[in-house]
């Protein structure tokens, strides 16, 4: 069945929340106690919970910034960026960047995801609930496979969201 406009945006928020939680978990950016086990479309994942100052900040960025802009149709692109300080200069160096492109049309929301270091892109379009569930499972599998191919982060890592 085709989701309503409201359901479409709720599904997109859940998809973004799941993507961000998966990235920070798979890249070991927060301690294990900042995650709880949950099941999304038959796949066990770790969902971010506010058990540390950093986790609270990221959740706040999502809820008060990203989701608000998404609901108002302002959000066109969000970049989830991981940087690391160069130990000799203390300058921040880009380590990884996950870019989420949002397109709004006729009540639908379309999401394209690109991980720039490998120049891979995954399009997720919200047509039916079943298609969204299938796309979410594919995205989670791709994020997991991607994280398994990446080198460990260098340490002294930082994250930021860029609109």
C-alpha atoms as a PDB file:
ATOM      1  CA  UNK A   1       0.000   0.000   0.000  1.00  0.00           C
ATOM      2  CA  UNK A   2       1.170   3.541  -0.764  1.00  0.00           C
ATOM      3  CA  UNK A   3       2.067   5.616   2.296  1.00  0.00           C
ATOM      4  CA  UNK A   4       0.399   8.941   2.953  1.00  0.00           C
ATOM      5  CA  UNK A   5       2.504  12.104   2.883  1.00  0.00           C
ATOM      6  CA  UNK A   6       2.813  12.004   6.686  1.00  0.00           C
ATOM      7  CA  UNK A   7       3.750   8.318   6.668  1.00  0.00           C
ATOM      8  CA  UNK A   8       6.291   8.998   3.922  1.00  0.00           C
ATOM      9  CA  UNK A   9       8.047  11.613   6.057  1.00  0.00           C
ATOM     10  CA  UNK A  10       7.938   9.393   9.162  1.00  0.00           C
ATOM     11  CA  UNK A  11       9.486   6.579   7.128  1.00  0.00           C
ATOM     12  CA  UNK A  12      12.181   8.931   5.802  1.00  0.00           C
ATOM     13  CA  UNK A  13      13.003  10.152   9.332  1.00  0.00           C
ATOM     14  CA  UNK A  14      13.269   6.528  10.487  1.00  0.00           C
ATOM     15  CA  UNK A  15      15.482   5.705   7.515  1.00  0.00           C
ATOM     16  CA  UNK A  16      17.814   8.630   8.264  1.00  0.00           C
ATOM     17  CA  UNK A  17      17.884   7.751  11.988  1.00  0.00           C
ATOM     18  CA  UNK A  18      18.736   4.155  11.100  1.00  0.00           C
ATOM     19  CA  UNK A  19      21.448   5.236   8.647  1.00  0.00           C
ATOM     20  CA  UNK A  20      23.121   7.587  11.139  1.00  0.00           C
ATOM     21  CA  UNK A  21      22.914   5.017  13.961  1.00  0.00           C
ATOM     22  CA  UNK A  22      24.421   2.363  11.702  1.00  0.00           C
ATOM     23  CA  UNK A  23      27.285   4.600  10.596  1.00  0.00           C
ATOM     24  CA  UNK A  24      28.274   5.644  14.108  1.00  0.00           C
ATOM     25  CA  UNK A  25      27.991   2.055  15.360  1.00  0.00           C
ATOM     26  CA  UNK A  26      29.842   0.412  12.474  1.00  0.00           C
ATOM     27  CA  UNK A  27      32.619   3.021  12.622  1.00  0.00           C
ATOM     28  CA  UNK A  28      32.937   2.682  16.438  1.00  0.00           C
ATOM     29  CA  UNK A  29      32.378   6.390  17.043  1.00  0.00           C
ATOM     30  CA  UNK A  30      30.504   5.959  20.342  1.00  0.00           C
ATOM     31  CA  UNK A  31      30.845   3.410  23.159  1.00  0.00           C
ATOM     32  CA  UNK A  32      28.720   0.260  23.052  1.00  0.00           C
ATOM     33  CA  UNK A  33      26.439   1.506  25.852  1.00  0.00           C
ATOM     34  CA  UNK A  34      25.205   4.285  23.519  1.00  0.00           C
ATOM     35  CA  UNK A  35      23.301   1.683  21.481  1.00  0.00           C
ATOM     36  CA  UNK A  36      20.396  -0.644  22.018  1.00  0.00           C
ATOM     37  CA  UNK A  37      19.499  -3.667  19.973  1.00  0.00           C
ATOM     38  CA  UNK A  38      16.485  -3.377  17.722  1.00  0.00           C
ATOM     39  CA  UNK A  39      15.072  -5.120  14.695  1.00  0.00           C
ATOM     40  CA  UNK A  40      14.384  -3.312  11.417  1.00  0.00           C
ATOM     41  CA  UNK A  41      12.690  -5.327   8.704  1.00  0.00           C
ATOM     42  CA  UNK A  42      14.117  -8.571  10.075  1.00  0.00           C
ATOM     43  CA  UNK A  43      17.679  -7.251  10.485  1.00  0.00           C
ATOM     44  CA  UNK A  44      19.154  -6.770  13.946  1.00  0.00           C
ATOM     45  CA  UNK A  45      20.765  -3.348  14.212  1.00  0.00           C
ATOM     46  CA  UNK A  46      22.098  -1.046  16.883  1.00  0.00           C
ATOM     47  CA  UNK A  47      20.054   2.084  17.490  1.00  0.00           C
ATOM     48  CA  UNK A  48      21.680   5.156  19.022  1.00  0.00           C
ATOM     49  CA  UNK A  49      20.432   6.136  22.493  1.00  0.00           C
ATOM     50  CA  UNK A  50      21.359   9.253  24.508  1.00  0.00           C
ATOM     51  CA  UNK A  51      23.762   7.580  26.954  1.00  0.00           C
ATOM     52  CA  UNK A  52      26.643  10.000  26.425  1.00  0.00           C
ATOM     53  CA  UNK A  53      27.020  13.730  25.845  1.00  0.00           C
ATOM     54  CA  UNK A  54      28.118  13.134  22.241  1.00  0.00           C
ATOM     55  CA  UNK A  55      25.224  10.762  21.511  1.00  0.00           C
ATOM     56  CA  UNK A  56      22.776  13.295  22.983  1.00  0.00           C
ATOM     57  CA  UNK A  57      24.200  15.999  20.703  1.00  0.00           C
ATOM     58  CA  UNK A  58      23.890  13.861  17.562  1.00  0.00           C
ATOM     59  CA  UNK A  59      20.326  12.844  18.451  1.00  0.00           C
ATOM     60  CA  UNK A  60      19.485  16.507  19.077  1.00  0.00           C
ATOM     61  CA  UNK A  61      20.970  17.499  15.699  1.00  0.00           C
ATOM     62  CA  UNK A  62      18.749  14.918  14.041  1.00  0.00           C
ATOM     63  CA  UNK A  63      15.544  15.667  15.935  1.00  0.00           C
ATOM     64  CA  UNK A  64      15.762  19.438  16.193  1.00  0.00           C
ATOM     65  CA  UNK A  65      17.612  20.219  12.985  1.00  0.00           C
ATOM     66  CA  UNK A  66      17.463  17.558  10.314  1.00  0.00           C
ATOM     67  CA  UNK A  67      13.942  16.272  10.928  1.00  0.00           C
ATOM     68  CA  UNK A  68      12.499  19.767  11.343  1.00  0.00           C
ATOM     69  CA  UNK A  69      14.074  20.872   8.042  1.00  0.00           C
ATOM     70  CA  UNK A  70      12.861  17.666   6.369  1.00  0.00           C
ATOM     71  CA  UNK A  71       9.272  18.243   7.547  1.00  0.00           C
ATOM     72  CA  UNK A  72       9.373  21.824   6.221  1.00  0.00           C
ATOM     73  CA  UNK A  73      10.856  20.701   2.875  1.00  0.00           C
ATOM     74  CA  UNK A  74      13.946  22.843   3.477  1.00  0.00           C
ATOM     75  CA  UNK A  75      16.425  19.990   3.605  1.00  0.00           C
ATOM     76  CA  UNK A  76      17.985  19.214   0.231  1.00  0.00           C
ATOM     77  CA  UNK A  77      21.279  17.690   1.340  1.00  0.00           C
ATOM     78  CA  UNK A  78      22.867  16.616   4.588  1.00  0.00           C
ATOM     79  CA  UNK A  79      26.452  15.480   4.915  1.00  0.00           C
ATOM     80  CA  UNK A  80      27.566  13.281   7.783  1.00  0.00           C
ATOM     81  CA  UNK A  81      31.290  13.959   7.973  1.00  0.00           C
ATOM     82  CA  UNK A  82      33.966  12.205   9.990  1.00  0.00           C
ATOM     83  CA  UNK A  83      37.180  14.150  10.526  1.00  0.00           C
ATOM     84  CA  UNK A  84      40.340  13.416  12.459  1.00  0.00           C
ATOM     85  CA  UNK A  85      42.825  15.829  13.943  1.00  0.00           C
ATOM     86  CA  UNK A  86      46.293  15.685  12.469  1.00  0.00           C
ATOM     87  CA  UNK A  87      48.472  14.999  15.563  1.00  0.00           C
ATOM     88  CA  UNK A  88      51.272  17.300  14.420  1.00  0.00           C
ATOM     89  CA  UNK A  89      49.190  20.308  13.354  1.00  0.00           C
ATOM     90  CA  UNK A  90      45.822  19.739  15.097  1.00  0.00           C
ATOM     91  CA  UNK A  91      44.152  20.561  11.769  1.00  0.00           C
ATOM     92  CA  UNK A  92      41.012  18.580  10.983  1.00  0.00           C
ATOM     93  CA  UNK A  93      41.336  16.199   8.015  1.00  0.00           C
ATOM     94  CA  UNK A  94      38.374  14.694   6.205  1.00  0.00           C
ATOM     95  CA  UNK A  95      38.270  10.932   6.776  1.00  0.00           C
ATOM     96  CA  UNK A  96      34.818   9.959   5.470  1.00  0.00           C
ATOM     97  CA  UNK A  97      31.749  11.697   4.135  1.00  0.00           C
ATOM     98  CA  UNK A  98      28.237  10.287   3.769  1.00  0.00           C
ATOM     99  CA  UNK A  99      25.981  12.563   1.722  1.00  0.00           C
ATOM    100  CA  UNK A 100      22.197  12.289   1.794  1.00  0.00           C
ATOM    101  CA  UNK A 101      20.326  14.104  -1.007  1.00  0.00           C
ATOM    102  CA  UNK A 102      16.607  14.695  -0.529  1.00  0.00           C
ATOM    103  CA  UNK A 103      14.102  15.432  -3.280  1.00  0.00           C
ATOM    104  CA  UNK A 104      10.428  16.255  -2.646  1.00  0.00           C
ATOM    105  CA  UNK A 105       7.775  15.626  -5.293  1.00  0.00           C
ATOM    106  CA  UNK A 106       4.010  15.182  -5.123  1.00  0.00           C
ATOM    107  CA  UNK A 107       4.033  14.150  -1.467  1.00  0.00           C
ATOM    108  CA  UNK A 108       6.829  11.637  -2.016  1.00  0.00           C
ATOM    109  CA  UNK A 109      10.301  11.956  -0.600  1.00  0.00           C
ATOM    110  CA  UNK A 110      13.270  10.548  -2.467  1.00  0.00           C
ATOM    111  CA  UNK A 111      16.607   9.920  -0.787  1.00  0.00           C
ATOM    112  CA  UNK A 112      19.947   9.365  -2.505  1.00  0.00           C
ATOM    113  CA  UNK A 113      22.938   8.330  -0.448  1.00  0.00           C
ATOM    114  CA  UNK A 114      26.547   8.698  -1.544  1.00  0.00           C
ATOM    115  CA  UNK A 115      29.664   7.654   0.325  1.00  0.00           C
ATOM    116  CA  UNK A 116      32.252   9.827  -1.347  1.00  0.00           C
ATOM    117  CA  UNK A 117      35.390   7.865  -0.595  1.00  0.00           C
ATOM    118  CA  UNK A 118      34.148   5.010  -2.779  1.00  0.00           C
ATOM    119  CA  UNK A 119      31.892   7.172  -4.966  1.00  0.00           C
ATOM    120  CA  UNK A 120      28.975   4.789  -4.455  1.00  0.00           C
ATOM    121  CA  UNK A 121      25.401   5.933  -4.587  1.00  0.00           C
ATOM    122  CA  UNK A 122      22.180   4.302  -3.444  1.00  0.00           C
ATOM    123  CA  UNK A 123      18.806   5.757  -4.416  1.00  0.00           C
ATOM    124  CA  UNK A 124      15.864   5.190  -2.106  1.00  0.00           C
ATOM    125  CA  UNK A 125      12.478   6.371  -3.293  1.00  0.00           C
ATOM    126  CA  UNK A 126       9.405   6.100  -1.103  1.00  0.00           C
ATOM    127  CA  UNK A 127       6.675   4.522  -3.209  1.00  0.00           C
ATOM    128  CA  UNK A 128       5.199   1.769  -1.063  1.00  0.00           C
ATOM    129  CA  UNK A 129       5.877   0.695   2.485  1.00  0.00           C
ATOM    130  CA  UNK A 130       7.194  -2.656   1.224  1.00  0.00           C
ATOM    131  CA  UNK A 131       9.604  -0.955  -1.202  1.00  0.00           C
ATOM    132  CA  UNK A 132      10.830   1.337   1.570  1.00  0.00           C
ATOM    133  CA  UNK A 133      11.381  -1.645   3.857  1.00  0.00           C
ATOM    134  CA  UNK A 134      13.303  -3.436   1.090  1.00  0.00           C
ATOM    135  CA  UNK A 135      15.402  -0.312   0.380  1.00  0.00           C
ATOM    136  CA  UNK A 136      16.148   0.063   4.106  1.00  0.00           C
ATOM    137  CA  UNK A 137      17.384  -3.532   4.296  1.00  0.00           C
ATOM    138  CA  UNK A 138      19.561  -2.975   1.204  1.00  0.00           C
ATOM    139  CA  UNK A 139      20.966   0.252   2.665  1.00  0.00           C
ATOM    140  CA  UNK A 140      21.812  -1.457   5.976  1.00  0.00           C
ATOM    141  CA  UNK A 141      23.540  -4.298   4.153  1.00  0.00           C
ATOM    142  CA  UNK A 142      25.505  -1.857   1.989  1.00  0.00           C
ATOM    143  CA  UNK A 143      26.558   0.213   5.017  1.00  0.00           C
ATOM    144  CA  UNK A 144      27.676  -2.949   6.811  1.00  0.00           C
ATOM    145  CA  UNK A 145      29.650  -4.186   3.797  1.00  0.00           C
ATOM    146  CA  UNK A 146      31.150  -0.743   3.301  1.00  0.00           C
ATOM    147  CA  UNK A 147      32.226  -0.489   6.941  1.00  0.00           C
ATOM    148  CA  UNK A 148      33.900  -3.902   6.680  1.00  0.00           C
ATOM    149  CA  UNK A 149      36.030  -2.686   3.749  1.00  0.00           C
ATOM    150  CA  UNK A 150      37.142   0.583   5.348  1.00  0.00           C
ATOM    151  CA  UNK A 151      40.291   0.948   7.393  1.00  0.00           C
ATOM    152  CA  UNK A 152      39.816   1.661  11.098  1.00  0.00           C
ATOM    153  CA  UNK A 153      39.452   5.331  11.925  1.00  0.00           C
ATOM    154  CA  UNK A 154      42.737   6.926  12.969  1.00  0.00           C
ATOM    155  CA  UNK A 155      41.557   8.013  16.435  1.00  0.00           C
ATOM    156  CA  UNK A 156      40.864  11.524  17.747  1.00  0.00           C
ATOM    157  CA  UNK A 157      37.843  11.467  15.451  1.00  0.00           C
ATOM    158  CA  UNK A 158      35.064  14.041  15.270  1.00  0.00           C
ATOM    159  CA  UNK A 159      31.717  14.080  13.517  1.00  0.00           C
ATOM    160  CA  UNK A 160      29.695  16.916  12.091  1.00  0.00           C
ATOM    161  CA  UNK A 161      26.553  17.440  10.087  1.00  0.00           C
ATOM    162  CA  UNK A 162      26.574  19.911   7.226  1.00  0.00           C
ATOM    163  CA  UNK A 163      23.374  21.099   5.547  1.00  0.00           C
END
